[in-house]
Amino acid sequence: MFVNAGALAIAILSALPTGLACLGYEGGLPKATSNKQISAPIYVKSGQVFDGGWAKYDRNPTSCKSQQEGGESDTAFVLEKGATLRNVIIGKTAGEGVYCLGGGCNIEFVWFEDVCEDAISIKNDKVGDVTWIVGGGAYHASDKIIQHNGCGRVNIINFYAEDYGKVYRSCGTCEKCAREVYIEGVTARKGGEVAGITKSNGDKATLVNVCTDAKTPCQNYSGPGVKDGAC
């Protein structure tokens, strides 16, 4: 369901409480109000808000090919710069969950039942572009939940992750630039790293009030798959 955006998303985000720890919702996947079968991605244009009303969206036929790299056609949702997606559950048949093209997206209270390849991918954002991921969560991501390919900033607030490889990973093989991630109030259980960044690119990660059992919550990399100490 599309609604008018205006300054609504900014107002909601600015009203969020600060300084509170571990606000990732730990009550499990929300109960879906309905089930939607989609055969192609849903596109949300710049400035639009898509409010799913807690419906669950599945790709039918499935676009999940396990950890085989997918593309835009395999997603459930594609957001243009400045678009907002909220109150949605994405099922396990989506090969790619959400693409944010150009950064500046707002992804609010979006849940992923069982991550196939990546849950959220931020692409083509520039320095100064800020993408917000507020609330929501993801289960069963064998590798990454959030993949950041562009050159902007990603704020991850009050997100929940369980059984995962990495909550956030900056791209180590994309354009060389300093990517930035700010993670606050996140709860991450039974997984690997909360943030993985590429040290040689000048990436920066800030973790505040994060609750996790990860051995190394913030991991530096010197190249793809090459760990280089804690952040």
C-alpha atoms as a PDB file:
ATOM      1  CA  MET A   1       0.000   0.000   0.000  1.00  0.00           C
ATOM      2  CA  PHE A   2       1.468   3.349  -1.056  1.00  0.00           C
ATOM      3  CA  VAL A   3       0.903   6.449   1.067  1.00  0.00           C
ATOM      4  CA  ASN A   4       2.123  10.016   0.691  1.00  0.00           C
ATOM      5  CA  ALA A   5       5.609  10.531   2.053  1.00  0.00           C
ATOM      6  CA  GLY A   6       6.360  14.228   2.481  1.00  0.00           C
ATOM      7  CA  ALA A   7       8.422  14.748   5.615  1.00  0.00           C
ATOM      8  CA  LEU A   8       6.716  11.862   7.427  1.00  0.00           C
ATOM      9  CA  ALA A   9       9.718   9.525   7.392  1.00  0.00           C
ATOM     10  CA  ILE A  10      12.057  12.229   8.673  1.00  0.00           C
ATOM     11  CA  ALA A  11       9.646  13.098  11.468  1.00  0.00           C
ATOM     12  CA  ILE A  12       9.374   9.476  12.575  1.00  0.00           C
ATOM     13  CA  LEU A  13      13.137   8.991  12.597  1.00  0.00           C
ATOM     14  CA  SER A  14      13.829  12.211  14.477  1.00  0.00           C
ATOM     15  CA  ALA A  15      11.330  11.157  17.154  1.00  0.00           C
ATOM     16  CA  LEU A  16      13.105   7.886  17.906  1.00  0.00           C
ATOM     17  CA  PRO A  17      14.563   7.694  21.432  1.00  0.00           C
ATOM     18  CA  THR A  18      18.337   7.815  21.761  1.00  0.00           C
ATOM     19  CA  GLY A  19      20.658   6.312  24.341  1.00  0.00           C
ATOM     20  CA  LEU A  20      18.583   3.180  24.890  1.00  0.00           C
ATOM     21  CA  ALA A  21      20.306  -0.202  24.679  1.00  0.00           C
ATOM     22  CA  CYS A  22      19.301  -3.430  22.977  1.00  0.00           C
ATOM     23  CA  LEU A  23      15.959  -2.488  21.500  1.00  0.00           C
ATOM     24  CA  GLY A  24      15.945  -5.124  18.767  1.00  0.00           C
ATOM     25  CA  TYR A  25      12.609  -6.934  19.121  1.00  0.00           C
ATOM     26  CA  GLU A  26      13.253 -10.456  20.450  1.00  0.00           C
ATOM     27  CA  GLY A  27       9.692 -11.792  20.288  1.00  0.00           C
ATOM     28  CA  GLY A  28      10.163 -13.658  17.011  1.00  0.00           C
ATOM     29  CA  LEU A  29       8.902 -12.984  13.513  1.00  0.00           C
ATOM     30  CA  PRO A  30       5.740 -10.851  13.601  1.00  0.00           C
ATOM     31  CA  LYS A  31       2.505 -12.602  12.694  1.00  0.00           C
ATOM     32  CA  ALA A  32       1.527 -11.797   9.129  1.00  0.00           C
ATOM     33  CA  THR A  33      -1.844 -10.137   8.556  1.00  0.00           C
ATOM     34  CA  SER A  34      -1.982 -11.618   5.041  1.00  0.00           C
ATOM     35  CA  ASN A  35       0.179 -13.466   2.524  1.00  0.00           C
ATOM     36  CA  LYS A  36       1.065 -11.955  -0.848  1.00  0.00           C
ATOM     37  CA  GLN A  37       2.523 -13.912  -3.752  1.00  0.00           C
ATOM     38  CA  ILE A  38       4.498 -11.754  -6.177  1.00  0.00           C
ATOM     39  CA  SER A  39       6.135 -12.805  -9.439  1.00  0.00           C
ATOM     40  CA  ALA A  40       8.335  -9.716  -9.837  1.00  0.00           C
ATOM     41  CA  PRO A  41       9.817  -6.983  -7.640  1.00  0.00           C
ATOM     42  CA  ILE A  42       7.637  -4.176  -6.293  1.00  0.00           C
ATOM     43  CA  TYR A  43       9.183  -0.786  -7.115  1.00  0.00           C
ATOM     44  CA  VAL A  44       8.852   2.122  -4.681  1.00  0.00           C
ATOM     45  CA  LYS A  45       9.644   5.472  -6.267  1.00  0.00           C
ATOM     46  CA  SER A  46      11.550   8.345  -4.722  1.00  0.00           C
ATOM     47  CA  GLY A  47       9.463  10.123  -2.090  1.00  0.00           C
ATOM     48  CA  GLN A  48       6.885   7.341  -1.866  1.00  0.00           C
ATOM     49  CA  VAL A  49       6.073   5.307   1.238  1.00  0.00           C
ATOM     50  CA  PHE A  50       5.044   1.667   0.878  1.00  0.00           C
ATOM     51  CA  ASP A  51       3.358   0.458   4.073  1.00  0.00           C
ATOM     52  CA  GLY A  52       2.736  -3.284   3.914  1.00  0.00           C
ATOM     53  CA  GLY A  53       0.495  -3.390   6.981  1.00  0.00           C
ATOM     54  CA  TRP A  54       2.446  -6.451   8.197  1.00  0.00           C
ATOM     55  CA  ALA A  55       1.664  -8.540   5.131  1.00  0.00           C
ATOM     56  CA  LYS A  56       4.163 -11.250   4.202  1.00  0.00           C
ATOM     57  CA  TYR A  57       5.553 -11.161   0.661  1.00  0.00           C
ATOM     58  CA  ASP A  58       6.868 -14.262  -1.100  1.00  0.00           C
ATOM     59  CA  ARG A  59       8.266 -14.637  -4.604  1.00  0.00           C
ATOM     60  CA  ASN A  60       6.275 -17.168  -6.628  1.00  0.00           C
ATOM     61  CA  PRO A  61       7.934 -18.903  -8.308  1.00  0.00           C
ATOM     62  CA  THR A  62      10.887 -18.750  -5.944  1.00  0.00           C
ATOM     63  CA  SER A  63      13.867 -16.570  -6.884  1.00  0.00           C
ATOM     64  CA  CYS A  64      16.086 -18.084  -4.182  1.00  0.00           C
ATOM     65  CA  LYS A  65      19.150 -19.910  -5.463  1.00  0.00           C
ATOM     66  CA  SER A  66      20.796 -20.384  -2.055  1.00  0.00           C
ATOM     67  CA  GLN A  67      24.081 -18.406  -1.905  1.00  0.00           C
ATOM     68  CA  GLN A  68      24.280 -17.996  -5.677  1.00  0.00           C
ATOM     69  CA  GLU A  69      24.533 -14.267  -6.419  1.00  0.00           C
ATOM     70  CA  GLY A  70      21.220 -12.866  -7.592  1.00  0.00           C
ATOM     71  CA  GLY A  71      20.211  -9.542  -9.058  1.00  0.00           C
ATOM     72  CA  GLU A  72      17.517  -6.890  -9.090  1.00  0.00           C
ATOM     73  CA  SER A  73      15.016  -9.198 -10.775  1.00  0.00           C
ATOM     74  CA  ASP A  74      15.257 -11.584  -7.798  1.00  0.00           C
ATOM     75  CA  THR A  75      14.241  -9.025  -5.159  1.00  0.00           C
ATOM     76  CA  ALA A  76      10.938  -8.539  -3.371  1.00  0.00           C
ATOM     77  CA  PHE A  77      11.254  -4.727  -3.267  1.00  0.00           C
ATOM     78  CA  VAL A  78      13.371  -2.157  -5.096  1.00  0.00           C
ATOM     79  CA  LEU A  79      13.551   1.304  -3.527  1.00  0.00           C
ATOM     80  CA  GLU A  80      14.617   4.410  -5.388  1.00  0.00           C
ATOM     81  CA  LYS A  81      16.616   7.075  -3.582  1.00  0.00           C
ATOM     82  CA  GLY A  82      14.445   8.666  -0.895  1.00  0.00           C
ATOM     83  CA  ALA A  83      11.804   5.906  -0.873  1.00  0.00           C
ATOM     84  CA  THR A  84      10.422   4.342   2.310  1.00  0.00           C
ATOM     85  CA  LEU A  85       9.420   0.730   2.966  1.00  0.00           C
ATOM     86  CA  ARG A  86       7.778  -0.195   6.250  1.00  0.00           C
ATOM     87  CA  ASN A  87       5.799  -2.864   8.118  1.00  0.00           C
ATOM     88  CA  VAL A  88       6.628  -5.737   5.778  1.00  0.00           C
ATOM     89  CA  ILE A  89       7.634  -9.389   6.225  1.00  0.00           C
ATOM     90  CA  ILE A  90       9.680 -10.922   3.409  1.00  0.00           C
ATOM     91  CA  GLY A  91       9.493 -14.680   3.013  1.00  0.00           C
ATOM     92  CA  LYS A  92      12.241 -17.171   2.294  1.00  0.00           C
ATOM     93  CA  THR A  93      11.464 -17.505  -1.426  1.00  0.00           C
ATOM     94  CA  ALA A  94      12.944 -14.069  -2.232  1.00  0.00           C
ATOM     95  CA  GLY A  95      16.451 -14.566  -3.597  1.00  0.00           C
ATOM     96  CA  GLU A  96      17.303 -10.950  -2.793  1.00  0.00           C
ATOM     97  CA  GLY A  97      15.204  -9.066  -0.261  1.00  0.00           C
ATOM     98  CA  VAL A  98      15.359  -5.288  -0.694  1.00  0.00           C
ATOM     99  CA  TYR A  99      17.512  -3.177  -3.011  1.00  0.00           C
ATOM    100  CA  CYS A 100      18.067   0.480  -2.153  1.00  0.00           C
ATOM    101  CA  LEU A 101      19.293   2.153  -5.336  1.00  0.00           C
ATOM    102  CA  GLY A 102      21.099   5.432  -4.803  1.00  0.00           C
ATOM    103  CA  GLY A 103      20.956   5.413  -1.008  1.00  0.00           C
ATOM    104  CA  GLY A 104      18.827   7.724   1.098  1.00  0.00           C
ATOM    105  CA  CYS A 105      16.207   5.012   1.648  1.00  0.00           C
ATOM    106  CA  ASN A 106      14.225   4.426   4.832  1.00  0.00           C
ATOM    107  CA  ILE A 107      13.643   0.763   5.704  1.00  0.00           C
ATOM    108  CA  GLU A 108      11.431   0.663   8.780  1.00  0.00           C
ATOM    109  CA  PHE A 109      10.247  -2.439  10.642  1.00  0.00           C
ATOM    110  CA  VAL A 110      10.973  -4.829   7.789  1.00  0.00           C
ATOM    111  CA  TRP A 111      11.481  -8.472   8.717  1.00  0.00           C
ATOM    112  CA  PHE A 112      13.139 -11.327   6.837  1.00  0.00           C
ATOM    113  CA  GLU A 113      11.900 -14.839   7.591  1.00  0.00           C
ATOM    114  CA  ASP A 114      14.890 -16.741   6.205  1.00  0.00           C
ATOM    115  CA  VAL A 115      17.534 -14.820   4.257  1.00  0.00           C
ATOM    116  CA  CYS A 116      18.486 -16.408   0.944  1.00  0.00           C
ATOM    117  CA  GLU A 117      21.424 -14.364  -0.438  1.00  0.00           C
ATOM    118  CA  ASP A 118      21.316 -10.867   1.093  1.00  0.00           C
ATOM    119  CA  ALA A 119      18.385  -9.276   2.907  1.00  0.00           C
ATOM    120  CA  ILE A 120      19.204  -5.633   2.127  1.00  0.00           C
ATOM    121  CA  SER A 121      21.609  -4.260  -0.484  1.00  0.00           C
ATOM    122  CA  ILE A 122      22.490  -0.561  -0.685  1.00  0.00           C
ATOM    123  CA  LYS A 123      23.866   0.327  -4.108  1.00  0.00           C
ATOM    124  CA  ASN A 124      25.111   3.424  -5.947  1.00  0.00           C
ATOM    125  CA  ASP A 125      24.868   5.752  -2.947  1.00  0.00           C
ATOM    126  CA  LYS A 126      27.303   8.658  -2.886  1.00  0.00           C
ATOM    127  CA  VAL A 127      29.234  10.384  -0.115  1.00  0.00           C
ATOM    128  CA  GLY A 128      26.671  12.271   1.966  1.00  0.00           C
ATOM    129  CA  ASP A 129      23.786   9.895   1.224  1.00  0.00           C
ATOM    130  CA  VAL A 130      22.347   8.317   4.376  1.00  0.00           C
ATOM    131  CA  THR A 131      20.214   5.171   4.466  1.00  0.00           C
ATOM    132  CA  TRP A 132      18.237   4.340   7.616  1.00  0.00           C
ATOM    133  CA  ILE A 133      17.338   0.815   8.711  1.00  0.00           C
ATOM    134  CA  VAL A 134      15.119   1.150  11.768  1.00  0.00           C
ATOM    135  CA  GLY A 135      13.641  -1.766  13.699  1.00  0.00           C
ATOM    136  CA  GLY A 136      12.847  -5.044  11.987  1.00  0.00           C
ATOM    137  CA  GLY A 137      15.182  -7.992  11.816  1.00  0.00           C
ATOM    138  CA  ALA A 138      16.399 -11.075   9.995  1.00  0.00           C
ATOM    139  CA  TYR A 139      16.789 -14.790  10.633  1.00  0.00           C
ATOM    140  CA  HIS A 140      19.004 -17.501   9.128  1.00  0.00           C
ATOM    141  CA  ALA A 141      21.427 -15.531   6.946  1.00  0.00           C
ATOM    142  CA  SER A 142      24.280 -17.897   6.151  1.00  0.00           C
ATOM    143  CA  ASP A 143      26.384 -14.915   5.045  1.00  0.00           C
ATOM    144  CA  LYS A 144      25.392 -11.228   5.026  1.00  0.00           C
ATOM    145  CA  ILE A 145      22.182  -9.526   6.085  1.00  0.00           C
ATOM    146  CA  ILE A 146      23.056  -6.010   4.888  1.00  0.00           C
ATOM    147  CA  GLN A 147      25.419  -5.507   1.943  1.00  0.00           C
ATOM    148  CA  HIS A 148      26.738  -1.975   1.328  1.00  0.00           C
ATOM    149  CA  ASN A 149      28.159  -1.408  -2.145  1.00  0.00           C
ATOM    150  CA  GLY A 150      27.953   2.383  -2.452  1.00  0.00           C
ATOM    151  CA  CYS A 151      29.967   5.145  -0.795  1.00  0.00           C
ATOM    152  CA  GLY A 152      27.518   6.710   1.670  1.00  0.00           C
ATOM    153  CA  ARG A 153      26.470   6.012   5.237  1.00  0.00           C
ATOM    154  CA  VAL A 154      24.115   3.405   6.681  1.00  0.00           C
ATOM    155  CA  ASN A 155      22.437   3.835  10.071  1.00  0.00           C
ATOM    156  CA  ILE A 156      21.136   0.600  11.626  1.00  0.00           C
ATOM    157  CA  ILE A 157      18.947   1.250  14.654  1.00  0.00           C
ATOM    158  CA  ASN A 158      17.185  -1.246  16.980  1.00  0.00           C
ATOM    159  CA  PHE A 159      17.516  -4.134  14.506  1.00  0.00           C
ATOM    160  CA  TYR A 160      17.398  -7.818  15.507  1.00  0.00           C
ATOM    161  CA  ALA A 161      19.527 -10.572  13.945  1.00  0.00           C
ATOM    162  CA  GLU A 162      19.639 -14.277  14.744  1.00  0.00           C
ATOM    163  CA  ASP A 163      21.632 -17.087  13.116  1.00  0.00           C
ATOM    164  CA  TYR A 164      23.664 -14.981  10.704  1.00  0.00           C
ATOM    165  CA  GLY A 165      27.128 -14.540   9.230  1.00  0.00           C
ATOM    166  CA  LYS A 166      27.407 -10.739   9.270  1.00  0.00           C
ATOM    167  CA  VAL A 167      24.795  -8.123  10.064  1.00  0.00           C
ATOM    168  CA  TYR A 168      26.572  -5.487   7.940  1.00  0.00           C
ATOM    169  CA  ARG A 169      29.373  -5.848   5.397  1.00  0.00           C
ATOM    170  CA  SER A 170      30.936  -3.101   3.348  1.00  0.00           C
ATOM    171  CA  CYS A 171      31.920  -4.167  -0.136  1.00  0.00           C
ATOM    172  CA  GLY A 172      35.575  -5.060  -0.517  1.00  0.00           C
ATOM    173  CA  THR A 173      35.552  -5.404  -4.302  1.00  0.00           C
ATOM    174  CA  CYS A 174      33.433  -2.390  -5.327  1.00  0.00           C
ATOM    175  CA  GLU A 175      34.548   1.180  -6.002  1.00  0.00           C
ATOM    176  CA  LYS A 176      37.250   2.159  -3.528  1.00  0.00           C
ATOM    177  CA  CYS A 177      35.775   4.685  -1.103  1.00  0.00           C
ATOM    178  CA  ALA A 178      35.313   5.134   2.633  1.00  0.00           C
ATOM    179  CA  ARG A 179      31.968   3.642   3.611  1.00  0.00           C
ATOM    180  CA  GLU A 180      30.439   4.406   6.987  1.00  0.00           C
ATOM    181  CA  VAL A 181      28.047   2.485   9.220  1.00  0.00           C
ATOM    182  CA  TYR A 182      26.478   3.527  12.527  1.00  0.00           C
ATOM    183  CA  ILE A 183      24.895   0.705  14.552  1.00  0.00           C
ATOM    184  CA  GLU A 184      22.896   1.436  17.703  1.00  0.00           C
ATOM    185  CA  GLY A 185      20.545  -0.576  19.906  1.00  0.00           C
ATOM    186  CA  VAL A 186      21.012  -3.712  17.794  1.00  0.00           C
ATOM    187  CA  THR A 187      20.586  -7.215  19.205  1.00  0.00           C
ATOM    188  CA  ALA A 188      22.520  -9.946  17.371  1.00  0.00           C
ATOM    189  CA  ARG A 189      22.427 -13.569  18.536  1.00  0.00           C
ATOM    190  CA  LYS A 190      23.959 -16.866  17.390  1.00  0.00           C
ATOM    191  CA  GLY A 191      26.003 -15.344  14.606  1.00  0.00           C
ATOM    192  CA  GLY A 192      29.311 -14.004  13.394  1.00  0.00           C
ATOM    193  CA  GLU A 193      30.181 -10.323  13.079  1.00  0.00           C
ATOM    194  CA  VAL A 194      27.898  -7.367  13.640  1.00  0.00           C
ATOM    195  CA  ALA A 195      29.990  -5.257  11.258  1.00  0.00           C
ATOM    196  CA  GLY A 196      32.626  -6.168   8.706  1.00  0.00           C
ATOM    197  CA  ILE A 197      34.509  -3.281   7.097  1.00  0.00           C
ATOM    198  CA  THR A 198      37.376  -2.933   4.638  1.00  0.00           C
ATOM    199  CA  LYS A 199      40.222  -1.260   6.480  1.00  0.00           C
ATOM    200  CA  SER A 200      42.238  -0.336   3.407  1.00  0.00           C
ATOM    201  CA  ASN A 201      39.320   1.673   1.988  1.00  0.00           C
ATOM    202  CA  GLY A 202      39.072   3.860   5.073  1.00  0.00           C
ATOM    203  CA  ASP A 203      35.731   2.402   6.149  1.00  0.00           C
ATOM    204  CA  LYS A 204      34.400   3.428   9.551  1.00  0.00           C
ATOM    205  CA  ALA A 205      32.053   1.537  11.877  1.00  0.00           C
ATOM    206  CA  THR A 206      30.538   2.872  15.101  1.00  0.00           C
ATOM    207  CA  LEU A 207      28.750   0.455  17.459  1.00  0.00           C
ATOM    208  CA  VAL A 208      26.717   1.856  20.363  1.00  0.00           C
ATOM    209  CA  ASN A 209      24.631  -0.125  22.868  1.00  0.00           C
ATOM    210  CA  VAL A 210      24.890  -3.352  20.879  1.00  0.00           C
ATOM    211  CA  CYS A 211      23.950  -6.643  22.556  1.00  0.00           C
ATOM    212  CA  THR A 212      25.650  -9.613  20.937  1.00  0.00           C
ATOM    213  CA  ASP A 213      27.379 -12.895  21.654  1.00  0.00           C
ATOM    214  CA  ALA A 214      29.714 -12.382  18.679  1.00  0.00           C
ATOM    215  CA  LYS A 215      33.374 -13.068  19.443  1.00  0.00           C
ATOM    216  CA  THR A 216      34.428 -10.110  17.275  1.00  0.00           C
ATOM    217  CA  PRO A 217      31.512  -7.685  16.903  1.00  0.00           C
ATOM    218  CA  CYS A 218      33.446  -5.416  14.533  1.00  0.00           C
ATOM    219  CA  GLN A 219      35.865  -7.074  12.108  1.00  0.00           C
ATOM    220  CA  ASN A 220      38.407  -5.373   9.858  1.00  0.00           C
ATOM    221  CA  TYR A 221      39.229  -6.906   6.473  1.00  0.00           C
ATOM    222  CA  SER A 222      42.233  -6.224   4.274  1.00  0.00           C
ATOM    223  CA  GLY A 223      40.573  -7.911   1.304  1.00  0.00           C
ATOM    224  CA  PRO A 224      37.657 -10.208   0.460  1.00  0.00           C
ATOM    225  CA  GLY A 225      37.583 -12.876   3.174  1.00  0.00           C
ATOM    226  CA  VAL A 226      40.926 -11.755   4.664  1.00  0.00           C
ATOM    227  CA  LYS A 227      40.446 -10.773   8.308  1.00  0.00           C
ATOM    228  CA  ASP A 228      42.741  -8.109   9.732  1.00  0.00           C
ATOM    229  CA  GLY A 229      41.927  -7.675  13.412  1.00  0.00           C
ATOM    230  CA  ALA A 230      39.071  -6.086  15.292  1.00  0.00           C
ATOM    231  CA  CYS A 231      37.790  -2.614  14.414  1.00  0.00           C
END
